[in-house]
């Protein structure tokens, strides 16, 4: 979609981090914004900021792990703006620790947001975009969708699944001749609140004292703090939508790690240590 003026963007996980930065950039492009997040307070602040700067925007409290909630998000977008053109499935959480110590509740929580959130977004919005005959879907994965670092098992699993879903969606749309763009966002560390995911822990997933989890959170927080600004990622996302670019990579210094991973596979080697700092 080269011309974004007047088009409608739906962005999940939009109250902070990458989602918020994409919303700000989309608004600069003249898009109308439907911002979704599970945190009502920050969502209201984000929408107020957008509208005070002249954007047309609404906020919809959304639990992306629930299909009905994502369907209600679609319906609110259509009721308010009559169409949806850009869908950014962006909500995500990250937890750490040795994979054998991650509780089933934590697996279900992470899978619900990071994986089912994308599944619900794709299933809910793709038919609408096909019917319209235009649109673009951006799924937020991570560099963890392409290379696996230690102590991030559920996160790695969900993000690699998001890459696979995005590649399949692209091929499926090509096979049926639907003119819908697809991108998968695979950033390295970005200055977001991903290391603070515990703030949104659901009541049904009680916290567990997983050995090493606090240490992993501390390391991840340090790497996040030293990461790139969300605005840089937002620029890449909007550019990818304009140019119909599939893979959105933000950290060229990690290209070597990608090469090593694929060389491991092609040469039959055991996985090499992953350095993503």
Protein backbone atom coordinates (compact mmCIF):
# COMPACT_ATOMS: atom_id res chain seq x y z
CA UNK A 1 0.00 0.00 0.00
CA UNK A 2 1.88 3.02 -1.22
CA UNK A 3 -0.74 5.60 -0.25
CA UNK A 4 -1.58 5.38 3.46
CA UNK A 5 -3.47 8.67 3.74
CA UNK A 6 -6.96 8.04 5.13
CA UNK A 7 -6.41 4.29 5.53
CA UNK A 8 -7.23 2.50 8.80
CA UNK A 9 -4.63 0.76 10.96
CA UNK A 10 -5.46 -1.75 13.73
CA UNK A 11 -2.53 -2.25 16.10
CA UNK A 12 -2.51 -4.67 19.04
CA UNK A 13 -0.18 -4.18 21.96
CA UNK A 14 -0.49 -0.56 20.98
CA UNK A 15 -0.30 1.26 24.29
CA UNK A 16 3.50 1.14 24.53
CA UNK A 17 6.70 0.05 22.84
CA UNK A 18 6.70 -0.92 19.19
CA UNK A 19 2.92 -0.80 18.84
CA UNK A 20 2.72 2.74 20.17
CA UNK A 21 5.58 3.88 17.93
CA UNK A 22 3.92 2.35 14.86
CA UNK A 23 0.67 4.09 15.79
CA UNK A 24 2.44 7.44 16.05
CA UNK A 25 4.16 6.94 12.69
CA UNK A 26 0.95 5.74 11.03
CA UNK A 27 -0.84 8.82 12.32
CA UNK A 28 1.85 11.04 10.79
CA UNK A 29 1.13 9.28 7.50
CA UNK A 30 -2.52 10.33 7.83
CA UNK A 31 -3.89 6.95 8.87
CA UNK A 32 -6.83 6.47 11.19
CA UNK A 33 -5.83 4.43 14.23
CA UNK A 34 -7.57 1.65 16.15
CA UNK A 35 -5.33 0.96 19.11
CA UNK A 36 -5.77 -2.27 21.09
CA UNK A 37 -4.17 -3.26 24.38
CA UNK A 38 -5.01 -5.20 27.50
CA UNK A 39 -3.94 -2.30 29.75
CA UNK A 40 -6.82 0.17 29.91
CA UNK A 41 -4.97 3.06 31.57
CA UNK A 42 -1.96 3.25 29.23
CA UNK A 43 -4.30 2.66 26.28
CA UNK A 44 -6.35 5.74 27.17
CA UNK A 45 -3.18 7.81 27.53
CA UNK A 46 -1.95 6.67 24.12
CA UNK A 47 -5.26 7.44 22.39
CA UNK A 48 -5.49 10.83 24.10
CA UNK A 49 -1.98 11.65 22.87
CA UNK A 50 -2.86 10.63 19.32
CA UNK A 51 -6.10 12.61 19.19
CA UNK A 52 -4.54 15.68 20.82
CA UNK A 53 -2.03 15.67 17.97
CA UNK A 54 -4.81 15.66 15.40
CA UNK A 55 -5.17 11.96 14.62
CA UNK A 56 -8.47 10.11 14.35
CA UNK A 57 -8.03 7.31 16.88
CA UNK A 58 -9.97 5.03 19.19
CA UNK A 59 -8.83 2.57 21.83
CA UNK A 60 -10.27 -0.89 22.35
CA UNK A 61 -9.33 -2.95 25.40
CA UNK A 62 -8.47 -6.31 23.89
CA UNK A 63 -7.25 -9.69 25.11
CA UNK A 64 -5.68 -11.11 21.97
CA UNK A 65 -5.59 -14.60 23.47
CA UNK A 66 -9.40 -14.69 23.16
CA UNK A 67 -10.91 -14.99 19.68
CA UNK A 68 -14.10 -13.18 20.71
CA UNK A 69 -12.09 -10.22 21.96
CA UNK A 70 -10.23 -9.89 18.66
CA UNK A 71 -13.49 -10.23 16.74
CA UNK A 72 -14.96 -7.45 18.88
CA UNK A 73 -11.90 -5.34 18.00
CA UNK A 74 -12.62 -5.86 14.30
CA UNK A 75 -16.25 -4.94 14.78
CA UNK A 76 -15.37 -1.74 16.66
CA UNK A 77 -12.95 -0.75 13.90
CA UNK A 78 -15.59 -1.31 11.23
CA UNK A 79 -18.28 0.50 13.22
CA UNK A 80 -16.05 3.54 13.64
CA UNK A 81 -14.19 3.72 10.35
CA UNK A 82 -15.94 1.34 7.94
CA UNK A 83 -12.81 -0.51 6.83
CA UNK A 84 -9.45 -1.89 7.97
CA UNK A 85 -6.36 -1.70 5.79
CA UNK A 86 -3.35 -2.38 8.00
CA UNK A 87 -3.40 -5.02 10.73
CA UNK A 88 -0.38 -5.15 13.03
CA UNK A 89 -0.53 -8.23 15.27
CA UNK A 90 2.00 -6.96 17.77
CA UNK A 91 1.00 -7.86 21.34
CA UNK A 92 3.59 -10.01 23.06
CA UNK A 93 5.13 -11.11 26.37
CA UNK A 94 8.46 -12.62 27.31
CA UNK A 95 9.49 -14.79 30.25
CA UNK A 96 12.68 -16.68 31.01
CA UNK A 97 14.25 -19.59 32.81
CA UNK A 98 15.38 -23.14 32.05
CA UNK A 99 12.83 -24.63 29.70
CA UNK A 100 12.20 -27.69 31.87
CA UNK A 101 11.19 -25.44 34.77
CA UNK A 102 8.65 -23.30 32.92
CA UNK A 103 5.21 -24.05 34.34
CA UNK A 104 2.33 -25.22 32.21
CA UNK A 105 0.46 -22.06 33.23
CA UNK A 106 3.29 -19.90 31.90
CA UNK A 107 3.39 -21.88 28.66
CA UNK A 108 -0.36 -21.32 28.26
CA UNK A 109 -0.05 -17.61 29.02
CA UNK A 110 2.80 -17.03 26.58
CA UNK A 111 1.23 -19.20 23.86
CA UNK A 112 -2.08 -17.41 24.35
CA UNK A 113 -0.65 -13.95 23.70
CA UNK A 114 2.32 -14.50 21.38
CA UNK A 115 0.92 -17.33 19.26
CA UNK A 116 -2.85 -17.37 19.58
CA UNK A 117 -2.89 -13.57 19.39
CA UNK A 118 -1.44 -13.81 15.89
CA UNK A 119 -3.66 -16.76 14.97
CA UNK A 120 -6.76 -14.84 16.05
CA UNK A 121 -5.61 -11.69 14.26
CA UNK A 122 -4.97 -13.54 11.02
CA UNK A 123 -8.20 -15.53 11.17
CA UNK A 124 -10.30 -12.49 12.06
CA UNK A 125 -8.93 -9.87 9.69
CA UNK A 126 -7.65 -11.73 6.61
CA UNK A 127 -11.14 -12.53 5.20
CA UNK A 128 -12.05 -8.85 5.59
CA UNK A 129 -8.95 -7.71 3.70
CA UNK A 130 -9.57 -10.26 0.95
CA UNK A 131 -13.17 -9.07 0.60
CA UNK A 132 -11.96 -5.47 0.36
CA UNK A 133 -9.34 -6.44 -2.22
CA UNK A 134 -6.56 -4.57 -0.41
CA UNK A 135 -4.67 -4.50 2.85
CA UNK A 136 -1.52 -5.50 4.65
CA UNK A 137 -0.81 -7.69 7.69
CA UNK A 138 2.28 -7.24 9.84
CA UNK A 139 3.02 -9.92 12.43
CA UNK A 140 5.53 -9.10 15.15
CA UNK A 141 7.92 -12.00 15.72
CA UNK A 142 11.48 -11.33 16.91
CA UNK A 143 15.04 -12.20 16.01
CA UNK A 144 14.14 -15.09 18.34
CA UNK A 145 11.89 -16.25 15.53
CA UNK A 146 15.01 -16.99 13.50
CA UNK A 147 17.66 -17.86 16.12
CA UNK A 148 17.13 -19.40 19.55
CA UNK A 149 18.88 -17.99 22.60
CA UNK A 150 19.03 -20.00 25.86
CA UNK A 151 16.53 -19.58 28.71
CA UNK A 152 13.78 -18.17 26.50
CA UNK A 153 12.11 -21.42 25.45
CA UNK A 154 8.41 -20.42 25.27
CA UNK A 155 9.29 -17.05 23.74
CA UNK A 156 11.51 -18.67 21.11
CA UNK A 157 8.86 -21.27 20.32
CA UNK A 158 6.09 -18.74 19.83
CA UNK A 159 8.18 -16.34 17.78
CA UNK A 160 9.44 -19.08 15.45
CA UNK A 161 5.81 -20.12 15.04
CA UNK A 162 4.88 -16.53 14.12
CA UNK A 163 7.52 -16.55 11.37
CA UNK A 164 6.15 -19.84 10.03
CA UNK A 165 2.56 -18.58 10.17
CA UNK A 166 3.56 -15.41 8.33
CA UNK A 167 5.43 -17.29 5.61
CA UNK A 168 2.48 -19.65 5.19
CA UNK A 169 -0.01 -16.78 5.10
CA UNK A 170 2.05 -15.10 2.39
CA UNK A 171 2.11 -18.28 0.30
CA UNK A 172 -1.57 -19.01 0.86
CA UNK A 173 -2.55 -15.53 -0.29
CA UNK A 174 -0.29 -15.85 -3.33
CA UNK A 175 -1.84 -19.23 -4.16
CA UNK A 176 -5.38 -17.82 -4.22
CA UNK A 177 -4.36 -14.61 -5.98
CA UNK A 178 -5.34 -12.29 -3.13
CA UNK A 179 -3.57 -8.89 -3.35
CA UNK A 180 -2.87 -8.69 0.39
CA UNK A 181 0.59 -7.81 1.66
CA UNK A 182 2.27 -9.67 4.51
CA UNK A 183 5.31 -8.76 6.60
CA UNK A 184 6.96 -10.41 9.58
CA UNK A 185 8.86 -8.15 11.97
CA UNK A 186 11.98 -9.74 13.49
CA UNK A 187 13.72 -7.10 15.61
CA UNK A 188 16.60 -7.55 18.01
CA UNK A 189 16.45 -5.74 21.33
CA UNK A 190 14.23 -2.66 21.34
CA UNK A 191 13.53 -0.24 24.19
CA UNK A 192 10.11 -1.61 25.17
CA UNK A 193 8.48 -3.00 28.31
CA UNK A 194 8.85 -6.64 27.22
CA UNK A 195 11.00 -7.40 30.29
CA UNK A 196 8.13 -6.15 32.46
CA UNK A 197 5.61 -8.67 31.13
CA UNK A 198 4.80 -9.81 34.67
CA UNK A 199 2.72 -6.63 35.10
CA UNK A 200 0.01 -8.27 32.99
CA UNK A 201 0.20 -11.78 34.47
CA UNK A 202 -3.35 -13.21 34.59
CA UNK A 203 -4.75 -14.43 37.90
CA UNK A 204 -5.07 -17.97 36.59
CA UNK A 205 -1.28 -18.17 36.00
CA UNK A 206 0.22 -17.71 39.49
CA UNK A 207 3.86 -16.69 39.61
CA UNK A 208 6.41 -19.44 40.25
CA UNK A 209 9.87 -19.03 41.67
CA UNK A 210 11.66 -20.51 38.66
CA UNK A 211 15.36 -20.92 39.30
CA UNK A 212 17.29 -18.32 37.34
CA UNK A 213 14.20 -16.47 36.09
CA UNK A 214 15.02 -13.28 37.99
CA UNK A 215 18.55 -13.34 36.64
CA UNK A 216 17.30 -13.83 33.09
CA UNK A 217 14.88 -10.92 33.52
CA UNK A 218 17.72 -8.74 34.72
CA UNK A 219 19.91 -9.62 31.75
CA UNK A 220 17.05 -9.09 29.30
CA UNK A 221 16.17 -5.75 30.91
CA UNK A 222 19.76 -4.59 30.47
CA UNK A 223 19.76 -5.63 26.82
CA UNK A 224 16.38 -3.97 26.24
CA UNK A 225 17.61 -0.75 27.84
CA UNK A 226 20.57 -0.72 25.44
CA UNK A 227 18.41 -1.58 22.42
CA UNK A 228 17.27 0.63 19.59
CA UNK A 229 14.42 3.11 19.87
CA UNK A 230 10.91 1.91 18.94
CA UNK A 231 10.66 4.79 16.48
CA UNK A 232 13.39 3.19 14.36
CA UNK A 233 11.37 -0.03 14.22
CA UNK A 234 8.20 1.89 13.38
CA UNK A 235 9.95 3.52 10.42
CA UNK A 236 10.94 0.07 9.14
CA UNK A 237 7.40 -1.24 9.56
CA UNK A 238 5.78 1.60 7.63
CA UNK A 239 8.45 1.38 4.92
CA UNK A 240 7.78 -2.36 4.60
CA UNK A 241 4.05 -1.75 4.22
CA UNK A 242 4.71 0.84 1.51
CA UNK A 243 7.14 -1.39 -0.40
CA UNK A 244 5.43 -4.73 0.33
CA UNK A 245 8.58 -6.10 1.99
CA UNK A 246 8.14 -9.43 3.77
CA UNK A 247 11.06 -9.80 6.23
CA UNK A 248 11.63 -6.75 8.44
CA UNK A 249 15.05 -7.01 10.10
CA UNK A 250 16.29 -4.17 12.28
CA UNK A 251 19.71 -5.26 13.56
CA UNK A 252 22.24 -5.93 10.77
CA UNK A 253 24.85 -6.82 13.39
CA UNK A 254 22.88 -10.05 13.94
CA UNK A 255 23.21 -11.19 10.32
CA UNK A 256 26.20 -13.31 11.30
CA UNK A 257 24.14 -15.18 13.89
CA UNK A 258 21.52 -15.93 11.22
CA UNK A 259 24.21 -17.25 8.87
CA UNK A 260 25.63 -19.44 11.64
CA UNK A 261 22.20 -20.90 12.42
CA UNK A 262 21.54 -21.88 8.81
CA UNK A 263 25.08 -23.18 8.39
CA UNK A 264 24.50 -25.40 11.44
CA UNK A 265 21.49 -26.90 9.68
CA UNK A 266 23.09 -27.32 6.25
CA UNK A 267 26.34 -28.71 7.64
CA UNK A 268 24.66 -31.05 10.10
CA UNK A 269 26.24 -29.39 13.13
CA UNK A 270 24.82 -29.12 16.63
CA UNK A 271 23.40 -25.67 17.40
CA UNK A 272 26.14 -23.10 17.91
CA UNK A 273 26.04 -20.78 20.95
CA UNK A 274 23.78 -17.84 20.16
CA UNK A 275 25.15 -14.37 20.85
CA UNK A 276 22.37 -11.82 20.48
CA UNK A 277 23.64 -9.01 22.70
